[in-house]
């Protein structure tokens, strides 16, 4: 089952306007997106009483998987003006 995460090909649609990834269209993209959100929410709830520690960890958790999103977006990340 883990070998499916190493499947070649995009997991996310390209955005029509702007920069970055759109919504996932494969289950691997949904798993990545929901686990990313769960990690950030978990850190915020778990470390809410210690903001000096929470802020850098949440920032790191938010930024760290961006290369995966960029690599798995069809057409890569670039500015798009539509169509």
PDB file of N, CA and C in Angstrom:
ATOM      1  N   UNK A   1       0.809  -1.189   0.000  1.00  0.00           N
ATOM      2  CA  UNK A   1       0.000   0.000   0.000  1.00  0.00           C
ATOM      3  C   UNK A   1       0.858   1.261   0.000  1.00  0.00           C
ATOM      4  N   UNK A   2       1.973   1.221   0.709  1.00  0.00           N
ATOM      5  CA  UNK A   2       2.847   2.395   0.778  1.00  0.00           C
ATOM      6  C   UNK A   2       3.446   2.709  -0.590  1.00  0.00           C
ATOM      7  N   UNK A   3       3.629   1.705  -1.427  1.00  0.00           N
ATOM      8  CA  UNK A   3       4.211   1.939  -2.749  1.00  0.00           C
ATOM      9  C   UNK A   3       3.336   2.851  -3.609  1.00  0.00           C
ATOM     10  N   UNK A   4       2.046   2.959  -3.291  1.00  0.00           N
ATOM     11  CA  UNK A   4       1.167   3.838  -4.059  1.00  0.00           C
ATOM     12  C   UNK A   4       1.475   5.309  -3.831  1.00  0.00           C
ATOM     13  N   UNK A   5       2.118   5.638  -2.701  1.00  0.00           N
ATOM     14  CA  UNK A   5       2.516   7.022  -2.468  1.00  0.00           C
ATOM     15  C   UNK A   5       3.686   7.426  -3.357  1.00  0.00           C
ATOM     16  N   UNK A   6       4.404   6.453  -3.873  1.00  0.00           N
ATOM     17  CA  UNK A   6       5.531   6.748  -4.757  1.00  0.00           C
ATOM     18  C   UNK A   6       5.125   6.646  -6.226  1.00  0.00           C
ATOM     19  N   UNK A   7       3.842   6.602  -6.475  1.00  0.00           N
ATOM     20  CA  UNK A   7       3.289   6.576  -7.821  1.00  0.00           C
ATOM     21  C   UNK A   7       3.687   7.855  -8.561  1.00  0.00           C
ATOM     22  N   UNK A   8       4.218   7.712  -9.740  1.00  0.00           N
ATOM     23  CA  UNK A   8       4.598   8.877 -10.544  1.00  0.00           C
ATOM     24  C   UNK A   8       3.352   9.531 -11.108  1.00  0.00           C
ATOM     25  N   UNK A   9       3.358  10.825 -11.159  1.00  0.00           N
ATOM     26  CA  UNK A   9       2.225  11.554 -11.710  1.00  0.00           C
ATOM     27  C   UNK A   9       1.662  12.548 -10.713  1.00  0.00           C
ATOM     28  N   UNK A  10       0.867  13.466 -11.202  1.00  0.00           N
ATOM     29  CA  UNK A  10       0.318  14.521 -10.341  1.00  0.00           C
ATOM     30  C   UNK A  10      -0.821  14.027  -9.451  1.00  0.00           C
ATOM     31  N   UNK A  11      -0.955  14.672  -8.300  1.00  0.00           N
ATOM     32  CA  UNK A  11      -2.045  14.406  -7.378  1.00  0.00           C
ATOM     33  C   UNK A  11      -2.992  15.595  -7.293  1.00  0.00           C
ATOM     34  N   UNK A  12      -2.508  16.780  -7.712  1.00  0.00           N
ATOM     35  CA  UNK A  12      -3.274  18.016  -7.577  1.00  0.00           C
ATOM     36  C   UNK A  12      -3.491  18.650  -8.942  1.00  0.00           C
ATOM     37  N   UNK A  13      -4.646  19.256  -9.135  1.00  0.00           N
ATOM     38  CA  UNK A  13      -4.910  20.029 -10.344  1.00  0.00           C
ATOM     39  C   UNK A  13      -4.166  21.349 -10.259  1.00  0.00           C
ATOM     40  N   UNK A  14      -3.864  21.904 -11.396  1.00  0.00           N
ATOM     41  CA  UNK A  14      -3.275  23.239 -11.435  1.00  0.00           C
ATOM     42  C   UNK A  14      -4.385  24.266 -11.219  1.00  0.00           C
ATOM     43  N   UNK A  15      -4.049  25.339 -10.546  1.00  0.00           N
ATOM     44  CA  UNK A  15      -5.031  26.403 -10.371  1.00  0.00           C
ATOM     45  C   UNK A  15      -5.268  27.100 -11.697  1.00  0.00           C
ATOM     46  N   UNK A  16      -6.466  27.573 -11.917  1.00  0.00           N
ATOM     47  CA  UNK A  16      -6.764  28.291 -13.154  1.00  0.00           C
ATOM     48  C   UNK A  16      -6.206  29.710 -13.094  1.00  0.00           C
ATOM     49  N   UNK A  17      -6.335  30.346 -11.944  1.00  0.00           N
ATOM     50  CA  UNK A  17      -5.829  31.705 -11.744  1.00  0.00           C
ATOM     51  C   UNK A  17      -4.904  31.705 -10.540  1.00  0.00           C
ATOM     52  N   UNK A  18      -3.771  32.373 -10.658  1.00  0.00           N
ATOM     53  CA  UNK A  18      -2.872  32.512  -9.528  1.00  0.00           C
ATOM     54  C   UNK A  18      -1.737  31.520  -9.543  1.00  0.00           C
ATOM     55  N   UNK A  19      -1.152  31.334  -8.366  1.00  0.00           N
ATOM     56  CA  UNK A  19       0.052  30.542  -8.198  1.00  0.00           C
ATOM     57  C   UNK A  19      -0.223  29.424  -7.200  1.00  0.00           C
ATOM     58  N   UNK A  20       0.240  28.243  -7.459  1.00  0.00           N
ATOM     59  CA  UNK A  20       0.127  27.156  -6.500  1.00  0.00           C
ATOM     60  C   UNK A  20      -0.707  26.005  -7.017  1.00  0.00           C
ATOM     61  N   UNK A  21      -1.110  25.166  -6.069  1.00  0.00           N
ATOM     62  CA  UNK A  21      -1.862  23.955  -6.390  1.00  0.00           C
ATOM     63  C   UNK A  21      -3.344  24.176  -6.162  1.00  0.00           C
ATOM     64  N   UNK A  22      -4.145  23.476  -6.944  1.00  0.00           N
ATOM     65  CA  UNK A  22      -5.582  23.471  -6.737  1.00  0.00           C
ATOM     66  C   UNK A  22      -5.966  22.300  -5.850  1.00  0.00           C
ATOM     67  N   UNK A  23      -7.199  21.855  -5.972  1.00  0.00           N
ATOM     68  CA  UNK A  23      -7.661  20.733  -5.163  1.00  0.00           C
ATOM     69  C   UNK A  23      -7.097  19.414  -5.675  1.00  0.00           C
ATOM     70  N   UNK A  24      -6.956  18.437  -4.784  1.00  0.00           N
ATOM     71  CA  UNK A  24      -6.487  17.115  -5.205  1.00  0.00           C
ATOM     72  C   UNK A  24      -7.511  16.414  -6.090  1.00  0.00           C
ATOM     73  N   UNK A  25      -7.020  15.556  -6.962  1.00  0.00           N
ATOM     74  CA  UNK A  25      -7.921  14.725  -7.762  1.00  0.00           C
ATOM     75  C   UNK A  25      -7.580  13.251  -7.615  1.00  0.00           C
ATOM     76  N   UNK A  26      -6.584  12.917  -6.811  1.00  0.00           N
ATOM     77  CA  UNK A  26      -6.252  11.529  -6.483  1.00  0.00           C
ATOM     78  C   UNK A  26      -6.287  11.378  -4.972  1.00  0.00           C
ATOM     79  N   UNK A  27      -6.480  10.147  -4.528  1.00  0.00           N
ATOM     80  CA  UNK A  27      -6.604   9.912  -3.091  1.00  0.00           C
ATOM     81  C   UNK A  27      -5.327  10.259  -2.350  1.00  0.00           C
ATOM     82  N   UNK A  28      -4.158  10.133  -2.995  1.00  0.00           N
ATOM     83  CA  UNK A  28      -2.911  10.475  -2.327  1.00  0.00           C
ATOM     84  C   UNK A  28      -2.870  11.966  -1.982  1.00  0.00           C
ATOM     85  N   UNK A  29      -3.401  12.796  -2.870  1.00  0.00           N
ATOM     86  CA  UNK A  29      -3.458  14.223  -2.611  1.00  0.00           C
ATOM     87  C   UNK A  29      -4.377  14.557  -1.452  1.00  0.00           C
ATOM     88  N   UNK A  30      -5.524  13.869  -1.376  1.00  0.00           N
ATOM     89  CA  UNK A  30      -6.445  14.101  -0.258  1.00  0.00           C
ATOM     90  C   UNK A  30      -5.814  13.669   1.056  1.00  0.00           C
ATOM     91  N   UNK A  31      -5.107  12.547   1.065  1.00  0.00           N
ATOM     92  CA  UNK A  31      -4.444  12.090   2.291  1.00  0.00           C
ATOM     93  C   UNK A  31      -3.390  13.103   2.727  1.00  0.00           C
ATOM     94  N   UNK A  32      -2.599  13.588   1.785  1.00  0.00           N
ATOM     95  CA  UNK A  32      -1.586  14.587   2.109  1.00  0.00           C
ATOM     96  C   UNK A  32      -2.225  15.860   2.646  1.00  0.00           C
ATOM     97  N   UNK A  33      -3.264  16.346   1.990  1.00  0.00           N
ATOM     98  CA  UNK A  33      -3.920  17.579   2.407  1.00  0.00           C
ATOM     99  C   UNK A  33      -4.528  17.450   3.802  1.00  0.00           C
ATOM    100  N   UNK A  34      -5.275  16.377   4.055  1.00  0.00           N
ATOM    101  CA  UNK A  34      -5.920  16.224   5.362  1.00  0.00           C
ATOM    102  C   UNK A  34      -4.919  15.953   6.475  1.00  0.00           C
ATOM    103  N   UNK A  35      -3.847  15.205   6.189  1.00  0.00           N
ATOM    104  CA  UNK A  35      -2.837  14.985   7.227  1.00  0.00           C
ATOM    105  C   UNK A  35      -2.069  16.277   7.512  1.00  0.00           C
ATOM    106  N   UNK A  36      -1.845  17.093   6.503  1.00  0.00           N
ATOM    107  CA  UNK A  36      -1.190  18.386   6.688  1.00  0.00           C
ATOM    108  C   UNK A  36      -2.052  19.288   7.567  1.00  0.00           C
ATOM    109  N   UNK A  37      -3.346  19.343   7.273  1.00  0.00           N
ATOM    110  CA  UNK A  37      -4.259  20.161   8.080  1.00  0.00           C
ATOM    111  C   UNK A  37      -4.354  19.617   9.507  1.00  0.00           C
ATOM    112  N   UNK A  38      -4.413  18.305   9.677  1.00  0.00           N
ATOM    113  CA  UNK A  38      -4.507  17.703  11.011  1.00  0.00           C
ATOM    114  C   UNK A  38      -3.256  17.988  11.833  1.00  0.00           C
ATOM    115  N   UNK A  39      -2.096  17.971  11.190  1.00  0.00           N
ATOM    116  CA  UNK A  39      -0.857  18.273  11.900  1.00  0.00           C
ATOM    117  C   UNK A  39      -0.855  19.712  12.407  1.00  0.00           C
ATOM    118  N   UNK A  40      -1.267  20.649  11.563  1.00  0.00           N
ATOM    119  CA  UNK A  40      -1.281  22.055  11.960  1.00  0.00           C
ATOM    120  C   UNK A  40      -2.305  22.291  13.078  1.00  0.00           C
ATOM    121  N   UNK A  41      -3.498  21.740  12.951  1.00  0.00           N
ATOM    122  CA  UNK A  41      -4.524  21.905  13.986  1.00  0.00           C
ATOM    123  C   UNK A  41      -4.086  21.231  15.286  1.00  0.00           C
ATOM    124  N   UNK A  42      -3.492  20.057  15.178  1.00  0.00           N
ATOM    125  CA  UNK A  42      -3.007  19.361  16.366  1.00  0.00           C
ATOM    126  C   UNK A  42      -1.929  20.141  17.099  1.00  0.00           C
ATOM    127  N   UNK A  43      -1.011  20.723  16.351  1.00  0.00           N
ATOM    128  CA  UNK A  43       0.014  21.550  16.984  1.00  0.00           C
ATOM    129  C   UNK A  43      -0.590  22.790  17.632  1.00  0.00           C
ATOM    130  N   UNK A  44      -1.541  23.411  16.961  1.00  0.00           N
ATOM    131  CA  UNK A  44      -2.172  24.612  17.512  1.00  0.00           C
ATOM    132  C   UNK A  44      -2.939  24.290  18.796  1.00  0.00           C
ATOM    133  N   UNK A  45      -3.663  23.189  18.805  1.00  0.00           N
ATOM    134  CA  UNK A  45      -4.415  22.823  20.005  1.00  0.00           C
ATOM    135  C   UNK A  45      -3.507  22.316  21.119  1.00  0.00           C
ATOM    136  N   UNK A  46      -2.515  21.548  20.759  1.00  0.00           N
ATOM    137  CA  UNK A  46      -1.623  20.980  21.761  1.00  0.00           C
ATOM    138  C   UNK A  46      -0.658  21.972  22.380  1.00  0.00           C
ATOM    139  N   UNK A  47      -0.261  22.958  21.617  1.00  0.00           N
ATOM    140  CA  UNK A  47       0.714  23.933  22.112  1.00  0.00           C
ATOM    141  C   UNK A  47       0.125  25.327  22.242  1.00  0.00           C
ATOM    142  N   UNK A  48      -1.180  25.416  22.344  1.00  0.00           N
ATOM    143  CA  UNK A  48      -1.853  26.711  22.419  1.00  0.00           C
ATOM    144  C   UNK A  48      -1.457  27.532  23.625  1.00  0.00           C
ATOM    145  N   UNK A  49      -1.086  26.880  24.707  1.00  0.00           N
ATOM    146  CA  UNK A  49      -0.703  27.606  25.913  1.00  0.00           C
ATOM    147  C   UNK A  49       0.770  28.019  25.920  1.00  0.00           C
ATOM    148  N   UNK A  50       1.526  27.602  24.909  1.00  0.00           N
ATOM    149  CA  UNK A  50       2.945  27.985  24.794  1.00  0.00           C
ATOM    150  C   UNK A  50       3.198  28.594  23.418  1.00  0.00           C
ATOM    151  N   UNK A  51       2.786  29.855  23.207  1.00  0.00           N
ATOM    152  CA  UNK A  51       2.888  30.456  21.867  1.00  0.00           C
ATOM    153  C   UNK A  51       4.319  30.623  21.368  1.00  0.00           C
ATOM    154  N   UNK A  52       5.278  30.757  22.253  1.00  0.00           N
ATOM    155  CA  UNK A  52       6.671  30.902  21.813  1.00  0.00           C
ATOM    156  C   UNK A  52       7.176  29.626  21.152  1.00  0.00           C
ATOM    157  N   UNK A  53       6.673  28.499  21.556  1.00  0.00           N
ATOM    158  CA  UNK A  53       7.041  27.222  20.944  1.00  0.00           C
ATOM    159  C   UNK A  53       6.102  26.875  19.790  1.00  0.00           C
ATOM    160  N   UNK A  54       4.821  27.240  19.934  1.00  0.00           N
ATOM    161  CA  UNK A  54       3.819  26.871  18.930  1.00  0.00           C
ATOM    162  C   UNK A  54       4.060  27.574  17.597  1.00  0.00           C
ATOM    163  N   UNK A  55       4.371  28.863  17.632  1.00  0.00           N
ATOM    164  CA  UNK A  55       4.500  29.614  16.386  1.00  0.00           C
ATOM    165  C   UNK A  55       5.558  29.040  15.445  1.00  0.00           C
ATOM    166  N   UNK A  56       6.803  28.814  15.888  1.00  0.00           N
ATOM    167  CA  UNK A  56       7.780  28.269  14.926  1.00  0.00           C
ATOM    168  C   UNK A  56       7.451  26.854  14.456  1.00  0.00           C
ATOM    169  N   UNK A  57       6.870  26.033  15.341  1.00  0.00           N
ATOM    170  CA  UNK A  57       6.527  24.671  14.923  1.00  0.00           C
ATOM    171  C   UNK A  57       5.377  24.656  13.921  1.00  0.00           C
ATOM    172  N   UNK A  58       4.380  25.509  14.128  1.00  0.00           N
ATOM    173  CA  UNK A  58       3.266  25.586  13.178  1.00  0.00           C
ATOM    174  C   UNK A  58       3.750  26.151  11.852  1.00  0.00           C
ATOM    175  N   UNK A  59       4.632  27.139  11.908  1.00  0.00           N
ATOM    176  CA  UNK A  59       5.201  27.702  10.686  1.00  0.00           C
ATOM    177  C   UNK A  59       5.998  26.648   9.925  1.00  0.00           C
ATOM    178  N   UNK A  60       6.809  25.887  10.621  1.00  0.00           N
ATOM    179  CA  UNK A  60       7.591  24.814   9.983  1.00  0.00           C
ATOM    180  C   UNK A  60       6.670  23.740   9.399  1.00  0.00           C
ATOM    181  N   UNK A  61       5.637  23.362  10.150  1.00  0.00           N
ATOM    182  CA  UNK A  61       4.691  22.344   9.662  1.00  0.00           C
ATOM    183  C   UNK A  61       3.911  22.848   8.455  1.00  0.00           C
ATOM    184  N   UNK A  62       3.685  24.139   8.374  1.00  0.00           N
ATOM    185  CA  UNK A  62       2.962  24.699   7.231  1.00  0.00           C
ATOM    186  C   UNK A  62       3.806  24.785   5.983  1.00  0.00           C
ATOM    187  N   UNK A  63       5.097  25.018   6.148  1.00  0.00           N
ATOM    188  CA  UNK A  63       5.989  25.229   5.009  1.00  0.00           C
ATOM    189  C   UNK A  63       6.650  23.935   4.517  1.00  0.00           C
ATOM    190  N   UNK A  64       6.929  23.013   5.411  1.00  0.00           N
ATOM    191  CA  UNK A  64       7.716  21.824   5.083  1.00  0.00           C
ATOM    192  C   UNK A  64       7.164  20.997   3.917  1.00  0.00           C
ATOM    193  N   UNK A  65       5.860  20.728   3.804  1.00  0.00           N
ATOM    194  CA  UNK A  65       5.388  19.887   2.700  1.00  0.00           C
ATOM    195  C   UNK A  65       5.150  20.629   1.387  1.00  0.00           C
ATOM    196  N   UNK A  66       5.425  21.916   1.315  1.00  0.00           N
ATOM    197  CA  UNK A  66       5.181  22.654   0.074  1.00  0.00           C
ATOM    198  C   UNK A  66       5.939  22.098  -1.132  1.00  0.00           C
ATOM    199  N   UNK A  67       7.183  21.619  -0.988  1.00  0.00           N
ATOM    200  CA  UNK A  67       7.829  21.002  -2.157  1.00  0.00           C
ATOM    201  C   UNK A  67       7.100  19.762  -2.678  1.00  0.00           C
ATOM    202  N   UNK A  68       6.430  19.030  -1.796  1.00  0.00           N
ATOM    203  CA  UNK A  68       5.656  17.872  -2.247  1.00  0.00           C
ATOM    204  C   UNK A  68       4.452  18.346  -3.052  1.00  0.00           C
ATOM    205  N   UNK A  69       3.765  19.383  -2.549  1.00  0.00           N
ATOM    206  CA  UNK A  69       2.630  19.938  -3.291  1.00  0.00           C
ATOM    207  C   UNK A  69       3.083  20.431  -4.669  1.00  0.00           C
ATOM    208  N   UNK A  70       4.203  21.123  -4.718  1.00  0.00           N
ATOM    209  CA  UNK A  70       4.697  21.662  -5.989  1.00  0.00           C
ATOM    210  C   UNK A  70       5.077  20.545  -6.958  1.00  0.00           C
ATOM    211  N   UNK A  71       5.727  19.505  -6.450  1.00  0.00           N
ATOM    212  CA  UNK A  71       6.152  18.401  -7.314  1.00  0.00           C
ATOM    213  C   UNK A  71       4.978  17.579  -7.824  1.00  0.00           C
ATOM    214  N   UNK A  72       3.891  17.540  -7.072  1.00  0.00           N
ATOM    215  CA  UNK A  72       2.746  16.701  -7.433  1.00  0.00           C
ATOM    216  C   UNK A  72       1.592  17.484  -8.066  1.00  0.00           C
ATOM    217  N   UNK A  73       1.828  18.738  -8.449  1.00  0.00           N
ATOM    218  CA  UNK A  73       0.813  19.527  -9.146  1.00  0.00           C
ATOM    219  C   UNK A  73       1.027  19.396 -10.641  1.00  0.00           C
ATOM    220  N   UNK A  74      -0.042  19.125 -11.395  1.00  0.00           N
ATOM    221  CA  UNK A  74       0.110  18.972 -12.835  1.00  0.00           C
ATOM    222  C   UNK A  74       0.548  20.306 -13.446  1.00  0.00           C
ATOM    223  N   UNK A  75       1.635  20.279 -14.181  1.00  0.00           N
ATOM    224  CA  UNK A  75       2.179  21.492 -14.777  1.00  0.00           C
ATOM    225  C   UNK A  75       3.060  22.303 -13.851  1.00  0.00           C
ATOM    226  N   UNK A  76       3.217  21.865 -12.616  1.00  0.00           N
ATOM    227  CA  UNK A  76       4.053  22.580 -11.661  1.00  0.00           C
ATOM    228  C   UNK A  76       3.410  23.875 -11.185  1.00  0.00           C
ATOM    229  N   UNK A  77       4.122  24.566 -10.326  1.00  0.00           N
ATOM    230  CA  UNK A  77       3.643  25.838  -9.808  1.00  0.00           C
ATOM    231  C   UNK A  77       4.165  26.962 -10.673  1.00  0.00           C
ATOM    232  N   UNK A  78       3.282  27.721 -11.234  1.00  0.00           N
ATOM    233  CA  UNK A  78       3.619  28.927 -11.977  1.00  0.00           C
ATOM    234  C   UNK A  78       2.384  29.807 -11.996  1.00  0.00           C
ATOM    235  N   UNK A  79       2.570  31.068 -12.294  1.00  0.00           N
ATOM    236  CA  UNK A  79       1.446  31.998 -12.324  1.00  0.00           C
ATOM    237  C   UNK A  79       0.578  31.688 -13.537  1.00  0.00           C
ATOM    238  N   UNK A  80      -0.723  31.610 -13.313  1.00  0.00           N
ATOM    239  CA  UNK A  80      -1.661  31.338 -14.404  1.00  0.00           C
ATOM    240  C   UNK A  80      -2.700  32.447 -14.462  1.00  0.00           C
ATOM    241  N   UNK A  81      -3.042  32.841 -15.661  1.00  0.00           N
ATOM    242  CA  UNK A  81      -3.996  33.913 -15.906  1.00  0.00           C
ATOM    243  C   UNK A  81      -5.354  33.399 -16.327  1.00  0.00           C
ATOM    244  N   UNK A  82      -5.561  32.117 -16.336  1.00  0.00           N
ATOM    245  CA  UNK A  82      -6.843  31.535 -16.722  1.00  0.00           C
ATOM    246  C   UNK A  82      -6.727  30.714 -17.980  1.00  0.00           C
ATOM    247  N   UNK A  83      -7.643  29.792 -18.126  1.00  0.00           N
ATOM    248  CA  UNK A  83      -7.683  28.861 -19.257  1.00  0.00           C
ATOM    249  C   UNK A  83      -6.302  28.366 -19.554  1.00  0.00           C
TER     250      UNK A  83
END
